[in-house]
Amino acid sequence: MNSPLPEFATPIAGPDAPHAVVIGSGIGGLAAAIRLGARGFRVTVLERLDAPGGRAYVHKQDGFTFDAGPTIVTAPFLLRELWNLCGKRFEDDVDLRLMSPFYRIRFDDGKVFDYSGDADATRAEIARFNPADVAGYDRYMEISRRTYEIGFEKVGHLPFDSFADLVKMAPDFLALRAYRSVYNQVSHYVQDPYVRIVLSFHPLLVGGNPFSVPAVYTLISYLERQYGVYSAMGGTGAIINGMVGLIRGQGNRLRFNAEVDEILVEEGKATGVRLAGGETLKADIVVSNADAAWTYRHLVPASARRTWTNRRIERSRFSNGLFVWYFGTNRRYEDVPHHAIVLGPRYKGLVTDIFKHKRLSQDFSLYLHRPTATDPALAPEGCDSFYALSPVPHLEGDVDWSEHAETYRKAIEQRLEETVLPGLGASLATSLVTTPLDFENRLLSYRGAGFSFEPVLTQSASFRPHNRSEDVQGLYLVGAGTHPGAGMPGVISSARVLDTVVPHANTFR
């Protein structure tokens, strides 16, 4: 039986319904379009690429399918809610598979930790490294649970329109010592250096330095254990296609190869957009799923901005960049799980080089994605599809990726061949590389950052660009650069915030 629709869900909007333009078809933009459609808006989604997804674009090459970016599905209830808004069942469109383990972490010395949602199995893994840390792990998970209840359930879908909103939550966060870094919070409960890495690496998956992002991000540990880590059959692209189907089912439009040049502002209010070819679209509201810094720096006229001035944007801190090598092999590596972390010899030193010094180190750590472990159809028969993701400095660093990309790719190939993929060089069937330059030029991500603003304490909650623009009436932001932040749950939740800050469609009539 389908879940009941919420009271504000409406039939397909007619031609006279208020018009919402959504810039960008990333997961946040698609979620925003679905929610606005359910509230009676006529919606047009504009995407500069030739297909939907944004950072979740899908590459197809030589018979192999590669998810460009997000591959880890957590908080699946957020996706089910979007389908429910349309009177549909998520499971009818998308087949999620629970990962076991969630991740296999391989340390530089060859030791391996299988991290999963099974509490007893995780305790057993911890005991192999340091039995004394098992009790500390349980205490840490209790703090993670309490942090989740406040940081995700209580405020993850609410706007932080003012500093006062943050002050209201301060006692709760202080009680949880959320001002600590993630690594410091973890280190308070466990002592073994390997276990500390296992419990603290998650911020790297959303553009944060574990040694500087606030401990509110420890909520990820509980979120994963409580609800699981999943992958979609057909890849994350299957989720994107399902969301596109919902939007079209609402009678709304997606336009591809449609780049927005400017958000039109009249007397302090967003009135529409101008496309690169000169076409203008009028709108009652504009929602930007483009990179938040790019939105203000390049799409909103400087004369309309008092808060997010060019100077403030340029002085802000941005997340790391990403080097991603997509490759297929003409053989299968059955011992490699769906998600693996292949660590280098350094942890703190490496992330300090990336985030603080902005220099490319000789060593690196990798997230290795092998989706064919779950769905062999993503590669030709008898083959495997992979991507290896390496956090690197964003474009404020001095790396010339146009010259250095192939050298770096070869270094990754050699490292993988020496560790988890023997014979890789001789087994390659296809190859594709993405660097921070591609993030800047193709995805219009400011400074080529992989996750927009770095999620440090001074750039979190009300200190991030607000979901309801501080500068322009009728302009709203969703995606990694606004509240609550990056990651699939974060960007979907940013669209949930619109239910609070965007007036119902009826008020425009």
Protein backbone atom coordinates (compact mmCIF):
# COMPACT_ATOMS: atom_id res chain seq x y z
CA MET A 1 0.00 0.00 0.00
CA ASN A 2 1.26 3.47 -0.86
CA SER A 3 2.04 5.79 2.02
CA PRO A 4 -0.55 8.59 2.38
CA LEU A 5 0.29 11.93 0.86
CA PRO A 6 0.93 14.82 3.24
CA GLU A 7 -1.74 17.48 3.38
CA PHE A 8 0.16 19.91 1.17
CA ALA A 9 0.61 17.48 -1.73
CA THR A 10 -1.35 18.64 -4.77
CA PRO A 11 -2.28 17.40 -8.25
CA ILE A 12 -0.31 18.47 -11.30
CA ALA A 13 0.03 22.26 -11.32
CA GLY A 14 -1.69 24.11 -14.10
CA PRO A 15 -0.16 26.74 -16.40
CA ASP A 16 -1.28 29.54 -14.09
CA ALA A 17 0.44 28.07 -11.03
CA PRO A 18 3.36 30.06 -9.58
CA HIS A 19 6.60 29.26 -11.36
CA ALA A 20 9.74 28.02 -9.62
CA VAL A 21 13.02 27.82 -11.52
CA VAL A 22 15.58 25.39 -10.11
CA ILE A 23 19.16 25.91 -11.27
CA GLY A 24 20.99 22.58 -11.42
CA SER A 25 19.84 18.97 -11.36
CA GLY A 26 22.05 17.59 -8.62
CA ILE A 27 20.39 15.52 -5.93
CA GLY A 28 19.56 18.65 -3.93
CA GLY A 29 18.03 20.38 -6.94
CA LEU A 30 15.95 17.37 -7.93
CA ALA A 31 14.74 16.95 -4.35
CA ALA A 32 13.82 20.65 -4.27
CA ALA A 33 11.88 20.35 -7.52
CA ILE A 34 9.92 17.37 -6.19
CA ARG A 35 9.04 19.14 -2.94
CA LEU A 36 8.02 22.34 -4.73
CA GLY A 37 5.92 20.37 -7.20
CA ALA A 38 4.16 18.66 -4.31
CA ARG A 39 3.33 22.10 -2.89
CA GLY A 40 1.64 23.36 -6.03
CA PHE A 41 4.45 25.05 -7.95
CA ARG A 42 5.00 24.74 -11.66
CA VAL A 43 8.70 23.85 -11.80
CA THR A 44 11.40 24.16 -14.45
CA VAL A 45 14.78 22.55 -13.72
CA LEU A 46 17.67 24.00 -15.74
CA GLU A 47 20.83 21.90 -16.18
CA ARG A 48 23.91 23.04 -18.12
CA LEU A 49 25.08 19.45 -18.74
CA ASP A 50 23.48 17.06 -21.22
CA ALA A 51 21.98 14.81 -18.52
CA PRO A 52 20.82 15.08 -14.91
CA GLY A 53 22.78 14.49 -11.73
CA GLY A 54 25.33 17.28 -11.36
CA ARG A 55 28.02 15.72 -9.18
CA ALA A 56 25.96 12.52 -9.48
CA TYR A 57 26.24 12.48 -13.28
CA VAL A 58 26.73 9.05 -14.88
CA HIS A 59 29.63 8.34 -17.26
CA LYS A 60 29.34 5.51 -19.79
CA GLN A 61 32.40 4.38 -21.68
CA ASP A 62 33.36 1.19 -23.53
CA GLY A 63 30.47 -0.74 -22.00
CA PHE A 64 31.28 0.36 -18.44
CA THR A 65 29.04 2.53 -16.24
CA PHE A 66 30.55 4.89 -13.67
CA ASP A 67 28.73 6.98 -11.08
CA ALA A 68 30.63 10.26 -11.21
CA GLY A 69 30.31 11.14 -7.55
CA PRO A 70 27.98 10.04 -4.75
CA THR A 71 27.97 6.28 -4.27
CA ILE A 72 27.17 5.83 -0.57
CA VAL A 73 23.46 5.84 0.23
CA THR A 74 22.55 6.48 3.87
CA ALA A 75 19.29 7.67 5.47
CA PRO A 76 17.17 5.99 2.77
CA PHE A 77 14.03 7.22 4.56
CA LEU A 78 14.79 10.67 3.10
CA LEU A 79 14.45 9.24 -0.40
CA ARG A 80 11.30 7.31 0.48
CA GLU A 81 9.76 10.55 1.70
CA LEU A 82 10.24 12.14 -1.73
CA TRP A 83 8.45 9.25 -3.41
CA ASN A 84 5.68 9.41 -0.80
CA LEU A 85 5.13 13.07 -1.66
CA CYS A 86 4.20 11.92 -5.15
CA GLY A 87 2.02 9.02 -4.01
CA LYS A 88 4.66 6.54 -5.15
CA ARG A 89 6.72 3.78 -3.56
CA PHE A 90 10.48 4.20 -3.68
CA GLU A 91 10.97 0.44 -3.82
CA ASP A 92 9.00 0.26 -7.08
CA ASP A 93 11.65 2.37 -8.82
CA VAL A 94 14.92 1.76 -6.96
CA ASP A 95 16.43 -1.44 -5.59
CA LEU A 96 18.74 -0.69 -2.66
CA ARG A 97 21.18 -3.32 -1.39
CA LEU A 98 22.63 -3.25 2.11
CA MET A 99 26.43 -3.26 2.15
CA SER A 100 28.30 -5.79 4.26
CA PRO A 101 30.78 -4.60 5.28
CA PHE A 102 29.97 -0.94 4.95
CA TYR A 103 33.66 -0.29 4.22
CA ARG A 104 36.85 -2.32 4.30
CA ILE A 105 39.66 -0.15 5.59
CA ARG A 106 43.15 -1.26 4.60
CA PHE A 107 45.99 0.36 6.52
CA ASP A 108 49.39 1.03 5.02
CA ASP A 109 50.94 -1.93 6.85
CA GLY A 110 48.37 -4.33 5.40
CA LYS A 111 46.10 -4.60 8.44
CA VAL A 112 42.41 -4.63 7.58
CA PHE A 113 39.32 -3.48 9.47
CA ASP A 114 35.84 -4.43 8.22
CA TYR A 115 33.49 -1.68 9.38
CA SER A 116 29.82 -2.63 9.42
CA GLY A 117 26.46 -1.93 11.02
CA ASP A 118 26.64 -5.08 13.14
CA ALA A 119 27.59 -3.76 16.59
CA ASP A 120 28.94 -7.10 17.78
CA ALA A 121 31.01 -7.57 14.63
CA THR A 122 32.43 -4.06 15.01
CA ARG A 123 33.27 -4.71 18.64
CA ALA A 124 35.07 -7.90 17.59
CA GLU A 125 37.06 -5.96 14.99
CA ILE A 126 38.01 -3.34 17.57
CA ALA A 127 39.05 -6.07 20.01
CA ARG A 128 41.53 -7.40 17.44
CA PHE A 129 43.30 -4.05 17.59
CA ASN A 130 42.80 -3.10 21.24
CA PRO A 131 40.36 -4.95 23.54
CA ALA A 132 40.38 -2.04 25.98
CA ASP A 133 38.72 0.16 23.33
CA VAL A 134 35.54 -1.91 23.09
CA ALA A 135 33.94 -0.21 26.09
CA GLY A 136 35.08 3.17 24.80
CA TYR A 137 33.47 2.41 21.44
CA ASP A 138 30.13 1.83 23.16
CA ARG A 139 30.44 5.14 24.99
CA TYR A 140 31.37 6.87 21.74
CA MET A 141 28.32 5.42 19.98
CA GLU A 142 26.09 6.76 22.75
CA ILE A 143 27.49 10.25 22.14
CA SER A 144 27.05 9.72 18.40
CA ARG A 145 23.40 8.77 18.99
CA ARG A 146 22.72 11.87 21.07
CA THR A 147 24.49 14.03 18.49
CA TYR A 148 22.38 12.49 15.73
CA GLU A 149 19.16 13.20 17.61
CA ILE A 150 20.05 16.87 17.95
CA GLY A 151 22.17 17.57 14.87
CA PHE A 152 20.10 15.58 12.38
CA GLU A 153 16.62 14.84 13.68
CA LYS A 154 16.10 18.12 15.52
CA VAL A 155 17.78 20.72 13.33
CA GLY A 156 18.93 19.03 10.10
CA HIS A 157 15.79 20.14 8.23
CA LEU A 158 15.36 23.53 9.89
CA PRO A 159 16.75 26.83 8.60
CA PHE A 160 19.45 28.71 10.47
CA ASP A 161 18.36 32.14 9.32
CA SER A 162 20.11 34.01 12.11
CA PHE A 163 22.80 33.75 14.72
CA ALA A 164 20.02 33.60 17.30
CA ASP A 165 18.93 30.26 15.83
CA LEU A 166 22.42 28.93 16.50
CA VAL A 167 22.49 30.35 20.03
CA LYS A 168 19.29 28.45 20.86
CA MET A 169 21.05 25.19 20.08
CA ALA A 170 24.31 26.07 21.82
CA PRO A 171 23.53 24.41 25.18
CA ASP A 172 22.77 21.09 23.49
CA PHE A 173 25.92 21.19 21.39
CA LEU A 174 28.06 22.30 24.33
CA ALA A 175 26.76 19.40 26.42
CA LEU A 176 27.90 17.04 23.67
CA ARG A 177 31.24 18.84 23.34
CA ALA A 178 30.48 19.37 19.68
CA TYR A 179 33.08 22.16 19.62
CA ARG A 180 35.76 19.49 19.59
CA SER A 181 36.99 18.20 16.27
CA VAL A 182 35.72 14.83 15.11
CA TYR A 183 39.14 13.30 15.71
CA ASN A 184 39.41 14.76 19.20
CA GLN A 185 35.93 13.51 20.09
CA VAL A 186 36.78 10.01 18.91
CA SER A 187 40.15 10.10 20.70
CA HIS A 188 38.40 10.88 23.97
CA TYR A 189 36.80 7.42 23.86
CA VAL A 190 39.29 5.14 22.11
CA GLN A 191 43.07 4.99 22.30
CA ASP A 192 44.26 2.72 19.51
CA PRO A 193 45.51 4.79 16.52
CA TYR A 194 43.96 2.40 14.02
CA VAL A 195 40.55 2.50 15.71
CA ARG A 196 40.72 6.28 15.90
CA ILE A 197 41.13 6.42 12.14
CA VAL A 198 38.23 4.00 11.56
CA LEU A 199 35.87 6.10 13.64
CA SER A 200 37.00 9.50 12.36
CA PHE A 201 37.50 9.26 8.58
CA HIS A 202 33.87 9.99 7.64
CA PRO A 203 34.24 13.80 7.30
CA LEU A 204 36.60 13.19 4.38
CA LEU A 205 33.61 11.78 2.49
CA VAL A 206 31.83 15.16 2.77
CA GLY A 207 34.76 17.53 2.28
CA GLY A 208 35.87 17.95 5.88
CA ASN A 209 39.17 17.58 7.71
CA PRO A 210 38.62 15.18 10.66
CA PHE A 211 41.05 17.29 12.70
CA SER A 212 39.09 20.53 12.27
CA VAL A 213 35.41 19.86 11.49
CA PRO A 214 33.13 20.06 14.54
CA ALA A 215 32.19 16.87 16.36
CA VAL A 216 28.57 17.22 15.24
CA TYR A 217 29.73 15.15 12.25
CA THR A 218 30.18 12.16 14.56
CA LEU A 219 26.45 11.71 14.08
CA ILE A 220 27.34 9.83 10.89
CA SER A 221 28.50 6.84 12.95
CA TYR A 222 25.08 6.39 14.53
CA LEU A 223 23.21 7.22 11.31
CA GLU A 224 25.05 4.45 9.49
CA ARG A 225 24.67 1.85 12.22
CA GLN A 226 20.98 2.62 12.76
CA TYR A 227 19.86 2.82 9.13
CA GLY A 228 22.59 1.09 7.15
CA VAL A 229 24.83 1.89 4.20
CA TYR A 230 23.34 0.99 0.83
CA SER A 231 24.06 1.02 -2.85
CA ALA A 232 21.50 1.12 -5.63
CA MET A 233 21.28 -1.51 -8.32
CA GLY A 234 22.13 0.33 -11.50
CA GLY A 235 24.25 2.74 -9.47
CA THR A 236 23.33 6.09 -7.99
CA GLY A 237 22.16 7.00 -11.48
CA ALA A 238 19.12 4.79 -10.85
CA ILE A 239 18.13 7.12 -8.00
CA ILE A 240 18.66 10.16 -10.24
CA ASN A 241 16.50 8.63 -12.97
CA GLY A 242 13.81 7.84 -10.43
CA MET A 243 13.79 11.44 -9.17
CA VAL A 244 13.57 12.75 -12.73
CA GLY A 245 10.59 10.45 -13.26
CA LEU A 246 8.86 11.92 -10.22
CA ILE A 247 9.36 15.46 -11.49
CA ARG A 248 7.99 14.63 -14.91
CA GLY A 249 5.14 12.73 -13.30
CA GLN A 250 4.21 15.98 -11.55
CA GLY A 251 3.91 17.60 -14.96
CA ASN A 252 7.10 19.60 -14.51
CA ARG A 253 10.04 20.14 -16.85
CA LEU A 254 13.76 19.50 -17.01
CA ARG A 255 15.85 21.29 -19.63
CA PHE A 256 19.37 20.15 -20.39
CA ASN A 257 22.19 22.07 -22.09
CA ALA A 258 20.59 25.11 -20.45
CA GLU A 259 23.23 27.17 -18.66
CA VAL A 260 22.13 30.03 -16.43
CA ASP A 261 24.22 33.18 -16.87
CA GLU A 262 22.45 35.41 -14.36
CA ILE A 263 19.75 35.39 -11.70
CA LEU A 264 17.58 38.39 -12.50
CA VAL A 265 17.02 40.70 -9.54
CA GLU A 266 14.63 43.65 -9.50
CA GLU A 267 14.27 45.85 -6.43
CA GLY A 268 15.94 43.20 -4.29
CA LYS A 269 13.77 40.31 -5.49
CA ALA A 270 14.62 37.38 -7.78
CA THR A 271 12.35 37.56 -10.81
CA GLY A 272 13.81 34.89 -13.04
CA VAL A 273 16.98 33.88 -14.86
CA ARG A 274 18.82 34.68 -18.07
CA LEU A 275 20.35 31.77 -19.98
CA ALA A 276 23.69 31.79 -21.74
CA GLY A 277 21.97 32.13 -25.12
CA GLY A 278 20.10 35.23 -23.99
CA GLU A 279 16.73 33.63 -23.27
CA THR A 280 15.01 34.82 -20.08
CA LEU A 281 12.64 32.84 -17.89
CA LYS A 282 10.38 34.63 -15.45
CA ALA A 283 9.87 33.03 -12.06
CA ASP A 284 8.08 33.66 -8.80
CA ILE A 285 10.97 32.02 -6.94
CA VAL A 286 14.44 30.84 -7.93
CA VAL A 287 16.18 27.91 -6.22
CA SER A 288 19.88 27.49 -6.87
CA ASN A 289 21.42 24.04 -6.65
CA ALA A 290 24.50 25.43 -8.34
CA ASP A 291 27.57 25.68 -6.13
CA ALA A 292 26.69 28.22 -3.42
CA ALA A 293 29.86 30.28 -3.82
CA TRP A 294 29.51 30.23 -7.61
CA THR A 295 25.86 31.28 -7.29
CA TYR A 296 26.74 34.44 -5.41
CA ARG A 297 30.05 35.18 -7.12
CA HIS A 298 28.87 34.69 -10.71
CA LEU A 299 25.06 34.53 -10.94
CA VAL A 300 23.79 37.19 -8.52
CA PRO A 301 24.76 40.76 -9.52
CA ALA A 302 27.24 42.32 -7.09
CA SER A 303 24.88 45.28 -6.64
CA ALA A 304 22.29 42.92 -5.14
CA ARG A 305 24.66 41.41 -2.54
CA ARG A 306 25.49 42.83 0.87
CA THR A 307 26.21 39.62 2.81
CA TRP A 308 27.93 37.36 0.28
CA THR A 309 30.20 39.92 -1.31
CA ASN A 310 33.06 38.95 -3.59
CA ARG A 311 35.50 39.73 -0.80
CA ARG A 312 33.76 37.47 1.70
CA ILE A 313 33.57 34.60 -0.77
CA GLU A 314 37.23 34.93 -1.71
CA ARG A 315 38.25 34.94 1.96
CA SER A 316 36.16 31.88 2.82
CA ARG A 317 37.60 28.41 3.32
CA PHE A 318 36.69 25.76 0.80
CA SER A 319 36.68 21.99 0.94
CA ASN A 320 39.35 19.83 -0.59
CA GLY A 321 39.42 19.05 -4.27
CA LEU A 322 38.95 15.57 -5.71
CA PHE A 323 40.98 13.52 -8.14
CA VAL A 324 38.86 10.66 -9.42
CA TRP A 325 40.11 7.89 -11.67
CA TYR A 326 37.33 5.83 -13.28
CA PHE A 327 38.56 2.59 -14.78
CA GLY A 328 37.38 -0.79 -15.94
CA THR A 329 39.24 -4.07 -15.96
CA ASN A 330 38.95 -7.08 -18.23
CA ARG A 331 38.93 -9.36 -15.20
CA ARG A 332 37.13 -9.43 -11.85
CA TYR A 333 38.64 -8.85 -8.41
CA GLU A 334 36.28 -10.89 -6.25
CA ASP A 335 38.17 -10.21 -3.00
CA VAL A 336 37.55 -6.44 -3.22
CA PRO A 337 34.31 -5.24 -1.57
CA HIS A 338 31.93 -2.60 -2.90
CA HIS A 339 33.44 0.16 -0.70
CA ALA A 340 37.08 0.16 0.40
CA ILE A 341 39.42 2.70 1.95
CA VAL A 342 43.07 2.21 1.01
CA LEU A 343 45.13 4.30 3.41
CA GLY A 344 48.62 5.65 2.90
CA PRO A 345 51.38 5.92 5.51
CA ARG A 346 50.13 9.23 6.97
CA TYR A 347 46.79 10.38 8.32
CA LYS A 348 46.99 13.77 10.03
CA GLY A 349 50.00 14.87 8.01
CA LEU A 350 48.28 14.08 4.74
CA VAL A 351 45.04 15.93 5.50
CA THR A 352 47.07 18.87 6.84
CA ASP A 353 48.90 19.05 3.51
CA ILE A 354 45.57 18.98 1.67
CA PHE A 355 43.53 21.39 3.76
CA LYS A 356 46.10 23.73 5.31
CA HIS A 357 49.19 23.79 3.10
CA LYS A 358 47.24 23.02 -0.10
CA ARG A 359 50.05 20.99 -1.53
CA LEU A 360 49.97 17.68 -3.34
CA SER A 361 51.85 15.04 -1.39
CA GLN A 362 53.75 12.08 -2.76
CA ASP A 363 51.60 9.76 -0.63
CA PHE A 364 47.81 9.57 -0.69
CA SER A 365 44.81 7.70 0.64
CA LEU A 366 42.04 6.40 -1.59
CA TYR A 367 38.37 5.57 -1.52
CA LEU A 368 38.01 2.62 -3.89
CA HIS A 369 34.54 2.00 -5.32
CA ARG A 370 33.80 -1.35 -6.97
CA PRO A 371 30.07 -1.29 -7.79
CA THR A 372 30.27 -4.52 -9.78
CA ALA A 373 30.73 -6.31 -6.47
CA THR A 374 26.98 -5.75 -6.10
CA ASP A 375 25.77 -5.15 -9.65
CA PRO A 376 27.81 -6.95 -12.35
CA ALA A 377 25.63 -5.32 -15.03
CA LEU A 378 27.65 -2.10 -14.64
CA ALA A 379 30.48 -3.67 -16.66
CA PRO A 380 30.76 -6.13 -19.54
CA GLU A 381 30.57 -9.80 -18.56
CA GLY A 382 33.65 -10.96 -16.67
CA CYS A 383 34.81 -7.37 -16.06
CA ASP A 384 34.86 -4.96 -13.14
CA SER A 385 34.01 -1.26 -12.89
CA PHE A 386 35.92 0.92 -10.39
CA TYR A 387 36.69 4.40 -9.34
CA ALA A 388 39.52 5.51 -7.10
CA LEU A 389 38.97 8.84 -5.37
CA SER A 390 41.86 10.77 -3.86
CA PRO A 391 41.31 13.93 -1.76
CA VAL A 392 43.64 16.63 -3.08
CA PRO A 393 44.01 20.41 -2.62
CA HIS A 394 41.50 22.62 -4.37
CA LEU A 395 42.71 25.05 -7.01
CA GLU A 396 44.29 27.48 -4.55
CA GLY A 397 47.12 24.95 -4.52
CA ASP A 398 49.89 25.16 -7.08
CA VAL A 399 49.16 21.93 -8.96
CA ASP A 400 48.91 22.22 -12.73
CA TRP A 401 46.44 19.42 -13.32
CA SER A 402 46.58 19.81 -17.08
CA GLU A 403 50.16 18.51 -16.86
CA HIS A 404 50.13 16.46 -13.68
CA ALA A 405 46.93 14.42 -14.02
CA GLU A 406 48.43 11.46 -15.85
CA THR A 407 51.45 11.30 -13.53
CA TYR A 408 49.12 11.22 -10.54
CA ARG A 409 46.89 8.60 -12.15
CA LYS A 410 49.88 6.35 -12.77
CA ALA A 411 50.92 6.72 -9.13
CA ILE A 412 47.44 5.62 -8.04
CA GLU A 413 47.56 2.71 -10.47
CA GLN A 414 50.88 1.57 -9.04
CA ARG A 415 49.63 1.88 -5.46
CA LEU A 416 46.51 -0.15 -6.18
CA GLU A 417 48.52 -2.78 -8.03
CA GLU A 418 50.85 -3.14 -5.05
CA THR A 419 48.02 -3.42 -2.51
CA VAL A 420 44.56 -4.67 -3.51
CA LEU A 421 44.46 -4.98 -7.33
CA PRO A 422 47.39 -7.15 -8.46
CA GLY A 423 48.00 -7.08 -12.19
CA LEU A 424 45.94 -3.93 -12.61
CA GLY A 425 48.09 -2.31 -15.29
CA ALA A 426 47.81 -5.31 -17.59
CA SER A 427 44.08 -5.64 -16.94
CA LEU A 428 42.90 -2.12 -17.77
CA ALA A 429 40.09 -1.98 -20.33
CA THR A 430 39.03 1.69 -20.06
CA SER A 431 40.08 4.82 -18.20
CA LEU A 432 38.72 8.30 -17.44
CA VAL A 433 40.08 10.98 -15.11
CA THR A 434 38.45 13.94 -13.32
CA THR A 435 40.49 16.62 -11.53
CA PRO A 436 39.64 19.85 -9.65
CA LEU A 437 39.89 21.61 -13.01
CA ASP A 438 36.90 19.58 -14.19
CA PHE A 439 34.99 20.50 -11.05
CA GLU A 440 35.61 24.17 -11.81
CA ASN A 441 35.09 24.11 -15.58
CA ARG A 442 32.41 21.46 -15.93
CA LEU A 443 30.51 21.62 -12.64
CA LEU A 444 31.16 25.33 -11.98
CA SER A 445 32.45 24.59 -8.50
CA TYR A 446 34.27 27.58 -7.02
CA ARG A 447 38.04 26.91 -6.84
CA GLY A 448 37.34 23.38 -7.99
CA ALA A 449 36.30 22.38 -4.49
CA GLY A 450 34.57 19.02 -4.32
CA PHE A 451 32.08 19.99 -1.59
CA SER A 452 31.82 23.82 -1.63
CA PHE A 453 32.47 25.60 1.69
CA GLU A 454 34.65 23.67 4.14
CA PRO A 455 32.45 22.56 7.07
CA VAL A 456 34.48 24.14 9.88
CA LEU A 457 32.68 25.60 12.90
CA THR A 458 32.85 29.18 11.58
CA GLN A 459 31.23 28.05 8.31
CA SER A 460 28.46 25.87 9.72
CA ALA A 461 24.75 26.42 10.42
CA SER A 462 23.96 30.16 10.32
CA PHE A 463 27.52 30.91 9.15
CA ARG A 464 26.94 29.08 5.85
CA PRO A 465 25.00 30.66 3.00
CA HIS A 466 21.40 30.43 4.19
CA ASN A 467 18.76 28.32 2.49
CA ARG A 468 16.72 31.51 2.23
CA SER A 469 19.05 34.07 0.69
CA GLU A 470 20.14 36.81 3.07
CA ASP A 471 20.52 39.18 0.12
CA VAL A 472 17.79 38.49 -2.42
CA GLN A 473 14.12 37.97 -1.68
CA GLY A 474 12.68 34.94 -3.49
CA LEU A 475 16.08 33.27 -3.92
CA TYR A 476 16.73 29.99 -2.14
CA LEU A 477 19.74 27.69 -1.98
CA VAL A 478 20.03 23.92 -1.73
CA GLY A 479 23.01 21.59 -2.02
CA ALA A 480 26.38 21.04 -0.39
CA GLY A 481 27.23 24.71 0.14
CA THR A 482 24.24 25.62 2.28
CA HIS A 483 22.75 24.19 5.49
CA PRO A 484 23.09 21.42 6.59
CA GLY A 485 25.98 20.54 4.25
CA ALA A 486 27.39 17.96 1.88
CA GLY A 487 26.63 14.27 1.49
CA MET A 488 23.44 12.72 0.17
CA PRO A 489 21.48 13.11 3.45
CA GLY A 490 22.70 16.70 3.75
CA VAL A 491 21.67 17.87 0.29
CA ILE A 492 18.29 16.11 0.48
CA SER A 493 17.73 17.74 3.87
CA SER A 494 18.60 21.14 2.41
CA ALA A 495 15.58 20.67 0.13
CA ARG A 496 13.44 19.75 3.16
CA VAL A 497 14.30 23.17 4.59
CA LEU A 498 12.36 24.73 1.70
CA ASP A 499 9.13 23.49 3.26
CA THR A 500 9.81 25.92 6.11
CA VAL A 501 11.17 28.95 4.25
CA VAL A 502 9.30 28.95 0.91
CA PRO A 503 5.70 30.18 1.11
CA HIS A 504 3.06 27.75 -0.15
CA ALA A 505 2.14 28.15 -3.80
CA ASN A 506 -1.33 29.37 -2.80
CA THR A 507 0.15 32.56 -1.36
CA PHE A 508 1.37 33.65 -4.82
CA ARG A 509 -2.13 33.67 -6.30
